[in-house]
Amino acid sequence: MAVQVAVCGPGECSEREAEDAVRIGRLLAERGATVVCGGGAGVMAAVAAGARSGGGVAVGVRADDDRDGAPSDLTATLTTNLGQARNAVIVWSADAVIAVGGSWGTLSEIALALRRGGVPVVSLGGWGVTDADGRPVPGILDAGTPEEAVDLALAGIT
């Protein structure tokens, strides 16, 4: 069974975040991983494009009740009609989670993944969480490049 990696990020992202997401999608595809994302615009569309360009599979888990507006690069689109609760479906379907950039939805996916436990959670250019004393909250792996993000996510699970 293929490893599934959730790639999370904002629907409205910067050019850099989109470029990073495309690279991550391609790298994951080249390493045989299936990409799971939110099935929307921004980072989600970019990672699907990267996975497709690498000959891989990208599954979008949509928040609404139809496929309208889903990126054309998705291999499969799941409509949930769950709203933001679909973030739990994305995280629980993944063997690892990579967050690119940051938005409130992305933060919720990171939190759900950390609460789930047992899966690598990697952040590239996004959320880093600290406690009240400014110490990093354990569990989030910080990556500096798309290559490092993929390496950290797949370490020990492939």
N, C-alpha and C. Protein backbone atom coordinates (compact mmCIF):
# COMPACT_ATOMS: atom_id res chain seq x y z
N MET A 1 0.85 -1.17 0.00
CA MET A 1 0.00 0.00 0.00
C MET A 1 0.90 1.25 0.00
N ALA A 2 0.54 2.22 -0.81
CA ALA A 2 1.33 3.44 -0.91
C ALA A 2 1.23 4.26 0.37
N VAL A 3 2.32 4.91 0.70
CA VAL A 3 2.34 5.86 1.80
C VAL A 3 1.50 7.07 1.37
N GLN A 4 0.71 7.60 2.29
CA GLN A 4 -0.12 8.79 2.02
C GLN A 4 0.39 9.94 2.86
N VAL A 5 0.69 11.06 2.19
CA VAL A 5 1.18 12.25 2.87
C VAL A 5 0.20 13.39 2.64
N ALA A 6 -0.32 13.93 3.74
CA ALA A 6 -1.18 15.11 3.65
C ALA A 6 -0.31 16.34 3.49
N VAL A 7 -0.65 17.17 2.52
CA VAL A 7 0.04 18.44 2.34
C VAL A 7 -1.00 19.53 2.53
N CYS A 8 -0.79 20.35 3.55
CA CYS A 8 -1.76 21.35 3.96
C CYS A 8 -1.19 22.74 3.72
N GLY A 9 -2.05 23.68 3.46
CA GLY A 9 -1.62 25.07 3.28
C GLY A 9 -2.78 25.93 2.86
N PRO A 10 -2.55 27.23 2.83
CA PRO A 10 -3.63 28.17 2.56
C PRO A 10 -4.15 28.11 1.13
N GLY A 11 -5.45 28.38 0.99
CA GLY A 11 -6.07 28.48 -0.32
C GLY A 11 -5.62 29.71 -1.08
N GLU A 12 -5.19 30.72 -0.36
CA GLU A 12 -4.59 31.91 -0.96
C GLU A 12 -3.15 31.95 -0.45
N CYS A 13 -2.22 31.62 -1.35
CA CYS A 13 -0.84 31.51 -0.91
C CYS A 13 0.08 32.42 -1.73
N SER A 14 1.28 32.57 -1.23
CA SER A 14 2.28 33.37 -1.94
C SER A 14 2.86 32.55 -3.09
N GLU A 15 3.55 33.24 -3.97
CA GLU A 15 4.21 32.56 -5.09
C GLU A 15 5.24 31.56 -4.57
N ARG A 16 5.96 31.93 -3.54
CA ARG A 16 6.97 31.04 -2.94
C ARG A 16 6.31 29.78 -2.37
N GLU A 17 5.21 29.95 -1.66
CA GLU A 17 4.50 28.80 -1.10
C GLU A 17 4.00 27.88 -2.21
N ALA A 18 3.49 28.45 -3.30
CA ALA A 18 3.02 27.64 -4.43
C ALA A 18 4.18 26.88 -5.06
N GLU A 19 5.31 27.54 -5.24
CA GLU A 19 6.49 26.87 -5.81
C GLU A 19 6.96 25.74 -4.91
N ASP A 20 6.98 25.98 -3.60
CA ASP A 20 7.38 24.94 -2.65
C ASP A 20 6.41 23.76 -2.71
N ALA A 21 5.11 24.05 -2.79
CA ALA A 21 4.11 22.99 -2.83
C ALA A 21 4.22 22.16 -4.11
N VAL A 22 4.46 22.81 -5.24
CA VAL A 22 4.66 22.07 -6.50
C VAL A 22 5.85 21.13 -6.35
N ARG A 23 6.94 21.64 -5.81
CA ARG A 23 8.15 20.82 -5.64
C ARG A 23 7.88 19.64 -4.70
N ILE A 24 7.20 19.90 -3.60
CA ILE A 24 6.87 18.84 -2.64
C ILE A 24 6.01 17.77 -3.31
N GLY A 25 4.99 18.19 -4.05
CA GLY A 25 4.14 17.23 -4.74
C GLY A 25 4.93 16.35 -5.70
N ARG A 26 5.82 16.96 -6.46
CA ARG A 26 6.64 16.21 -7.41
C ARG A 26 7.57 15.24 -6.68
N LEU A 27 8.22 15.71 -5.63
CA LEU A 27 9.14 14.85 -4.86
C LEU A 27 8.40 13.66 -4.24
N LEU A 28 7.22 13.92 -3.69
CA LEU A 28 6.44 12.83 -3.11
C LEU A 28 6.04 11.81 -4.17
N ALA A 29 5.61 12.30 -5.33
CA ALA A 29 5.23 11.40 -6.42
C ALA A 29 6.42 10.55 -6.86
N GLU A 30 7.57 11.19 -6.98
CA GLU A 30 8.77 10.47 -7.42
C GLU A 30 9.19 9.40 -6.42
N ARG A 31 8.79 9.58 -5.16
CA ARG A 31 9.12 8.60 -4.12
C ARG A 31 7.98 7.63 -3.85
N GLY A 32 6.94 7.69 -4.70
CA GLY A 32 5.86 6.72 -4.63
C GLY A 32 4.77 7.01 -3.62
N ALA A 33 4.77 8.19 -3.04
CA ALA A 33 3.75 8.55 -2.04
C ALA A 33 2.52 9.14 -2.72
N THR A 34 1.37 8.87 -2.15
CA THR A 34 0.12 9.49 -2.57
C THR A 34 -0.05 10.78 -1.79
N VAL A 35 -0.42 11.86 -2.49
CA VAL A 35 -0.66 13.15 -1.85
C VAL A 35 -2.14 13.26 -1.49
N VAL A 36 -2.42 13.68 -0.26
CA VAL A 36 -3.77 13.96 0.19
C VAL A 36 -3.81 15.45 0.54
N CYS A 37 -4.79 16.16 0.00
CA CYS A 37 -4.88 17.60 0.28
C CYS A 37 -6.34 18.01 0.38
N GLY A 38 -6.57 19.28 0.60
CA GLY A 38 -7.93 19.78 0.78
C GLY A 38 -8.73 19.97 -0.49
N GLY A 39 -8.11 19.78 -1.64
CA GLY A 39 -8.85 19.84 -2.89
C GLY A 39 -9.31 21.22 -3.30
N GLY A 40 -8.60 22.25 -2.85
CA GLY A 40 -8.96 23.62 -3.20
C GLY A 40 -7.85 24.33 -3.95
N ALA A 41 -7.84 25.64 -3.87
CA ALA A 41 -6.87 26.49 -4.57
C ALA A 41 -5.58 26.61 -3.75
N GLY A 42 -4.69 27.46 -4.20
CA GLY A 42 -3.47 27.78 -3.47
C GLY A 42 -2.53 26.60 -3.34
N VAL A 43 -2.06 26.35 -2.12
CA VAL A 43 -1.13 25.25 -1.85
C VAL A 43 -1.73 23.92 -2.29
N MET A 44 -3.03 23.75 -2.10
CA MET A 44 -3.67 22.48 -2.46
C MET A 44 -3.60 22.22 -3.96
N ALA A 45 -3.89 23.22 -4.77
CA ALA A 45 -3.81 23.07 -6.23
C ALA A 45 -2.36 22.89 -6.66
N ALA A 46 -1.45 23.60 -6.02
CA ALA A 46 -0.04 23.52 -6.39
C ALA A 46 0.55 22.14 -6.09
N VAL A 47 0.23 21.57 -4.94
CA VAL A 47 0.77 20.25 -4.61
C VAL A 47 0.18 19.19 -5.54
N ALA A 48 -1.09 19.35 -5.93
CA ALA A 48 -1.69 18.41 -6.88
C ALA A 48 -1.00 18.51 -8.24
N ALA A 49 -0.68 19.72 -8.67
CA ALA A 49 0.03 19.90 -9.94
C ALA A 49 1.41 19.26 -9.88
N GLY A 50 2.09 19.41 -8.75
CA GLY A 50 3.40 18.80 -8.59
C GLY A 50 3.33 17.29 -8.62
N ALA A 51 2.35 16.73 -7.92
CA ALA A 51 2.19 15.27 -7.91
C ALA A 51 1.90 14.76 -9.32
N ARG A 52 1.03 15.43 -10.03
CA ARG A 52 0.70 15.01 -11.40
C ARG A 52 1.93 15.09 -12.31
N SER A 53 2.69 16.18 -12.19
CA SER A 53 3.87 16.33 -13.04
C SER A 53 4.92 15.26 -12.75
N GLY A 54 4.88 14.70 -11.55
CA GLY A 54 5.81 13.64 -11.18
C GLY A 54 5.24 12.25 -11.43
N GLY A 55 4.07 12.18 -12.07
CA GLY A 55 3.45 10.89 -12.37
C GLY A 55 2.77 10.25 -11.19
N GLY A 56 2.43 11.05 -10.18
CA GLY A 56 1.85 10.50 -8.97
C GLY A 56 0.36 10.70 -8.85
N VAL A 57 -0.14 10.39 -7.67
CA VAL A 57 -1.56 10.45 -7.35
C VAL A 57 -1.79 11.54 -6.32
N ALA A 58 -2.84 12.35 -6.56
CA ALA A 58 -3.23 13.39 -5.61
C ALA A 58 -4.73 13.28 -5.36
N VAL A 59 -5.11 13.14 -4.10
CA VAL A 59 -6.50 13.01 -3.70
C VAL A 59 -6.91 14.28 -2.96
N GLY A 60 -7.98 14.90 -3.42
CA GLY A 60 -8.51 16.09 -2.76
C GLY A 60 -9.71 15.76 -1.93
N VAL A 61 -9.71 16.22 -0.68
CA VAL A 61 -10.83 16.01 0.24
C VAL A 61 -11.53 17.36 0.42
N ARG A 62 -12.63 17.53 -0.29
CA ARG A 62 -13.31 18.82 -0.36
C ARG A 62 -14.18 19.09 0.87
N ALA A 63 -14.25 20.35 1.26
CA ALA A 63 -15.07 20.76 2.40
C ALA A 63 -16.55 20.85 2.05
N ASP A 64 -16.85 21.06 0.77
CA ASP A 64 -18.24 21.28 0.38
C ASP A 64 -18.87 20.05 -0.25
N ASP A 65 -20.02 20.25 -0.88
CA ASP A 65 -20.80 19.10 -1.36
C ASP A 65 -20.71 18.88 -2.87
N ASP A 66 -19.72 19.48 -3.51
CA ASP A 66 -19.55 19.24 -4.95
C ASP A 66 -18.08 19.37 -5.33
N ARG A 67 -17.81 19.08 -6.59
CA ARG A 67 -16.43 19.13 -7.08
C ARG A 67 -16.14 20.42 -7.84
N ASP A 68 -17.09 21.33 -7.89
CA ASP A 68 -16.88 22.60 -8.59
C ASP A 68 -15.70 23.35 -7.98
N GLY A 69 -14.79 23.76 -8.83
CA GLY A 69 -13.63 24.50 -8.37
C GLY A 69 -12.47 23.64 -7.91
N ALA A 70 -12.62 22.32 -7.96
CA ALA A 70 -11.51 21.44 -7.58
C ALA A 70 -10.42 21.53 -8.64
N PRO A 71 -9.17 21.49 -8.23
CA PRO A 71 -8.07 21.55 -9.20
C PRO A 71 -8.12 20.40 -10.21
N SER A 72 -7.85 20.70 -11.45
CA SER A 72 -7.90 19.68 -12.50
C SER A 72 -6.77 18.66 -12.35
N ASP A 73 -5.75 18.96 -11.58
CA ASP A 73 -4.62 18.04 -11.41
C ASP A 73 -4.88 16.95 -10.38
N LEU A 74 -6.01 16.99 -9.70
CA LEU A 74 -6.34 15.94 -8.74
C LEU A 74 -6.64 14.64 -9.48
N THR A 75 -6.17 13.54 -8.93
CA THR A 75 -6.49 12.22 -9.47
C THR A 75 -7.89 11.81 -9.04
N ALA A 76 -8.24 12.11 -7.81
CA ALA A 76 -9.57 11.81 -7.27
C ALA A 76 -9.99 12.95 -6.36
N THR A 77 -11.29 13.21 -6.36
CA THR A 77 -11.86 14.27 -5.53
C THR A 77 -12.97 13.68 -4.68
N LEU A 78 -12.85 13.83 -3.38
CA LEU A 78 -13.87 13.36 -2.44
C LEU A 78 -14.65 14.55 -1.92
N THR A 79 -15.96 14.53 -2.07
CA THR A 79 -16.79 15.60 -1.52
C THR A 79 -17.32 15.12 -0.17
N THR A 80 -17.18 15.97 0.84
CA THR A 80 -17.55 15.54 2.19
C THR A 80 -18.73 16.31 2.78
N ASN A 81 -18.91 17.56 2.36
CA ASN A 81 -19.93 18.44 2.94
C ASN A 81 -19.71 18.59 4.45
N LEU A 82 -18.44 18.51 4.88
CA LEU A 82 -18.10 18.60 6.30
C LEU A 82 -17.56 19.97 6.71
N GLY A 83 -17.41 20.88 5.76
CA GLY A 83 -16.78 22.15 6.09
C GLY A 83 -15.35 21.90 6.57
N GLN A 84 -14.91 22.70 7.53
CA GLN A 84 -13.54 22.57 8.03
C GLN A 84 -13.31 21.27 8.79
N ALA A 85 -14.38 20.58 9.17
CA ALA A 85 -14.21 19.28 9.84
C ALA A 85 -13.53 18.28 8.91
N ARG A 86 -13.53 18.57 7.60
CA ARG A 86 -12.84 17.69 6.67
C ARG A 86 -11.35 17.65 6.95
N ASN A 87 -10.82 18.63 7.69
CA ASN A 87 -9.40 18.62 8.04
C ASN A 87 -9.04 17.37 8.84
N ALA A 88 -9.96 16.90 9.65
CA ALA A 88 -9.72 15.67 10.41
C ALA A 88 -9.62 14.47 9.47
N VAL A 89 -10.43 14.43 8.44
CA VAL A 89 -10.38 13.34 7.46
C VAL A 89 -9.02 13.34 6.77
N ILE A 90 -8.55 14.52 6.39
CA ILE A 90 -7.25 14.64 5.71
C ILE A 90 -6.14 14.11 6.62
N VAL A 91 -6.10 14.58 7.84
CA VAL A 91 -5.03 14.21 8.78
C VAL A 91 -5.09 12.73 9.15
N TRP A 92 -6.27 12.21 9.38
CA TRP A 92 -6.39 10.80 9.77
C TRP A 92 -6.15 9.85 8.61
N SER A 93 -6.14 10.36 7.39
CA SER A 93 -5.86 9.54 6.22
C SER A 93 -4.37 9.51 5.88
N ALA A 94 -3.56 10.23 6.63
CA ALA A 94 -2.16 10.43 6.28
C ALA A 94 -1.20 9.67 7.18
N ASP A 95 -0.09 9.26 6.58
CA ASP A 95 1.02 8.66 7.33
C ASP A 95 2.00 9.73 7.79
N ALA A 96 1.90 10.92 7.20
CA ALA A 96 2.72 12.08 7.57
C ALA A 96 1.98 13.32 7.09
N VAL A 97 2.31 14.47 7.70
CA VAL A 97 1.67 15.74 7.34
C VAL A 97 2.76 16.77 7.08
N ILE A 98 2.64 17.47 5.94
CA ILE A 98 3.53 18.59 5.63
C ILE A 98 2.66 19.83 5.51
N ALA A 99 2.97 20.86 6.29
CA ALA A 99 2.27 22.14 6.20
C ALA A 99 3.17 23.13 5.47
N VAL A 100 2.64 23.76 4.44
CA VAL A 100 3.37 24.76 3.66
C VAL A 100 2.69 26.10 3.91
N GLY A 101 3.44 27.03 4.48
CA GLY A 101 2.84 28.32 4.81
C GLY A 101 1.89 28.18 5.97
N GLY A 102 1.03 29.17 6.12
CA GLY A 102 0.14 29.10 7.26
C GLY A 102 -1.16 29.85 7.06
N SER A 103 -2.20 29.28 7.56
CA SER A 103 -3.52 29.89 7.64
C SER A 103 -4.19 29.23 8.84
N TRP A 104 -5.36 29.70 9.20
CA TRP A 104 -6.03 29.10 10.36
C TRP A 104 -6.39 27.65 10.08
N GLY A 105 -6.81 27.35 8.86
CA GLY A 105 -7.11 25.97 8.51
C GLY A 105 -5.88 25.08 8.60
N THR A 106 -4.75 25.62 8.16
CA THR A 106 -3.49 24.87 8.24
C THR A 106 -3.12 24.61 9.69
N LEU A 107 -3.30 25.62 10.53
CA LEU A 107 -3.00 25.45 11.95
C LEU A 107 -3.89 24.36 12.55
N SER A 108 -5.16 24.33 12.14
CA SER A 108 -6.05 23.29 12.68
C SER A 108 -5.58 21.90 12.25
N GLU A 109 -5.07 21.77 11.03
CA GLU A 109 -4.57 20.47 10.57
C GLU A 109 -3.32 20.06 11.34
N ILE A 110 -2.44 21.01 11.62
CA ILE A 110 -1.25 20.72 12.42
C ILE A 110 -1.68 20.25 13.81
N ALA A 111 -2.60 20.99 14.42
CA ALA A 111 -3.07 20.62 15.77
C ALA A 111 -3.71 19.24 15.78
N LEU A 112 -4.53 18.95 14.80
CA LEU A 112 -5.17 17.63 14.74
C LEU A 112 -4.13 16.53 14.56
N ALA A 113 -3.13 16.78 13.75
CA ALA A 113 -2.09 15.77 13.53
C ALA A 113 -1.27 15.55 14.80
N LEU A 114 -0.95 16.64 15.51
CA LEU A 114 -0.19 16.50 16.76
C LEU A 114 -1.02 15.78 17.82
N ARG A 115 -2.31 16.07 17.88
CA ARG A 115 -3.19 15.39 18.84
C ARG A 115 -3.32 13.91 18.50
N ARG A 116 -3.33 13.62 17.20
CA ARG A 116 -3.42 12.22 16.77
C ARG A 116 -2.20 11.46 17.23
N GLY A 117 -1.04 12.06 17.07
CA GLY A 117 0.21 11.42 17.46
C GLY A 117 0.63 10.33 16.49
N GLY A 118 1.90 10.01 16.54
CA GLY A 118 2.42 8.89 15.77
C GLY A 118 2.69 9.17 14.31
N VAL A 119 2.45 10.41 13.86
CA VAL A 119 2.75 10.75 12.47
C VAL A 119 3.70 11.95 12.45
N PRO A 120 4.68 11.94 11.54
CA PRO A 120 5.54 13.12 11.43
C PRO A 120 4.72 14.33 10.99
N VAL A 121 4.97 15.47 11.60
CA VAL A 121 4.33 16.73 11.24
C VAL A 121 5.45 17.72 10.92
N VAL A 122 5.50 18.14 9.67
CA VAL A 122 6.58 19.00 9.17
C VAL A 122 6.01 20.35 8.76
N SER A 123 6.71 21.42 9.11
CA SER A 123 6.30 22.77 8.71
C SER A 123 7.38 23.38 7.83
N LEU A 124 6.97 23.89 6.68
CA LEU A 124 7.88 24.60 5.77
C LEU A 124 7.36 26.02 5.59
N GLY A 125 8.05 26.98 6.19
CA GLY A 125 7.70 28.38 6.03
C GLY A 125 6.37 28.75 6.65
N GLY A 126 5.98 28.05 7.69
CA GLY A 126 4.68 28.34 8.28
C GLY A 126 4.71 28.31 9.78
N TRP A 127 3.69 27.67 10.32
CA TRP A 127 3.46 27.67 11.75
C TRP A 127 4.56 26.95 12.52
N GLY A 128 5.05 27.63 13.53
CA GLY A 128 5.87 27.04 14.56
C GLY A 128 5.20 27.42 15.87
N VAL A 129 4.90 26.50 16.71
CA VAL A 129 4.12 26.77 17.91
C VAL A 129 5.03 26.75 19.12
N THR A 130 4.88 27.76 19.98
CA THR A 130 5.67 27.82 21.20
C THR A 130 4.73 27.85 22.41
N ASP A 131 5.28 27.44 23.55
CA ASP A 131 4.49 27.49 24.77
C ASP A 131 4.58 28.88 25.39
N ALA A 132 4.00 29.04 26.57
CA ALA A 132 3.95 30.36 27.21
C ALA A 132 5.34 30.91 27.54
N ASP A 133 6.33 30.03 27.66
CA ASP A 133 7.69 30.46 27.95
C ASP A 133 8.54 30.61 26.69
N GLY A 134 7.91 30.50 25.52
CA GLY A 134 8.63 30.68 24.26
C GLY A 134 9.37 29.44 23.77
N ARG A 135 9.18 28.32 24.44
CA ARG A 135 9.84 27.07 24.00
C ARG A 135 9.01 26.42 22.90
N PRO A 136 9.68 25.85 21.89
CA PRO A 136 8.92 25.15 20.84
C PRO A 136 8.11 24.00 21.40
N VAL A 137 6.87 23.89 20.94
CA VAL A 137 6.03 22.75 21.31
C VAL A 137 6.58 21.53 20.58
N PRO A 138 6.85 20.46 21.30
CA PRO A 138 7.42 19.29 20.65
C PRO A 138 6.47 18.70 19.61
N GLY A 139 7.06 18.17 18.56
CA GLY A 139 6.27 17.46 17.57
C GLY A 139 6.30 18.05 16.19
N ILE A 140 6.49 19.35 16.07
CA ILE A 140 6.56 19.97 14.74
C ILE A 140 8.02 19.98 14.29
N LEU A 141 8.27 19.37 13.14
CA LEU A 141 9.61 19.35 12.55
C LEU A 141 9.72 20.51 11.58
N ASP A 142 10.72 21.35 11.75
CA ASP A 142 10.88 22.53 10.91
C ASP A 142 11.79 22.19 9.73
N ALA A 143 11.32 22.49 8.53
CA ALA A 143 12.10 22.24 7.31
C ALA A 143 12.45 23.57 6.65
N GLY A 144 13.61 23.60 6.02
CA GLY A 144 14.05 24.81 5.33
C GLY A 144 13.83 24.77 3.83
N THR A 145 13.64 23.58 3.28
CA THR A 145 13.44 23.41 1.84
C THR A 145 12.39 22.34 1.58
N PRO A 146 11.83 22.33 0.38
CA PRO A 146 10.89 21.24 0.04
C PRO A 146 11.54 19.86 0.16
N GLU A 147 12.80 19.75 -0.24
CA GLU A 147 13.50 18.47 -0.14
C GLU A 147 13.61 18.00 1.30
N GLU A 148 13.95 18.92 2.19
CA GLU A 148 14.05 18.58 3.60
C GLU A 148 12.68 18.22 4.17
N ALA A 149 11.64 18.92 3.75
CA ALA A 149 10.29 18.62 4.23
C ALA A 149 9.89 17.20 3.86
N VAL A 150 10.15 16.81 2.62
CA VAL A 150 9.80 15.45 2.18
C VAL A 150 10.65 14.42 2.90
N ASP A 151 11.95 14.68 3.04
CA ASP A 151 12.82 13.75 3.76
C ASP A 151 12.35 13.54 5.20
N LEU A 152 12.01 14.63 5.89
CA LEU A 152 11.55 14.52 7.27
C LEU A 152 10.22 13.78 7.35
N ALA A 153 9.33 14.07 6.42
CA ALA A 153 8.01 13.41 6.44
C ALA A 153 8.12 11.91 6.19
N LEU A 154 9.01 11.53 5.29
CA LEU A 154 9.10 10.11 4.91
C LEU A 154 10.08 9.31 5.75
N ALA A 155 10.89 9.97 6.56
CA ALA A 155 11.87 9.27 7.38
C ALA A 155 11.17 8.26 8.29
N GLY A 156 11.55 7.02 8.19
CA GLY A 156 11.01 6.01 9.08
C GLY A 156 9.69 5.40 8.65
N ILE A 157 9.05 5.96 7.58
CA ILE A 157 7.77 5.37 7.16
C ILE A 157 7.85 4.78 5.75
N THR A 158 8.97 4.95 5.07
CA THR A 158 9.10 4.35 3.73
C THR A 158 10.25 3.38 3.71
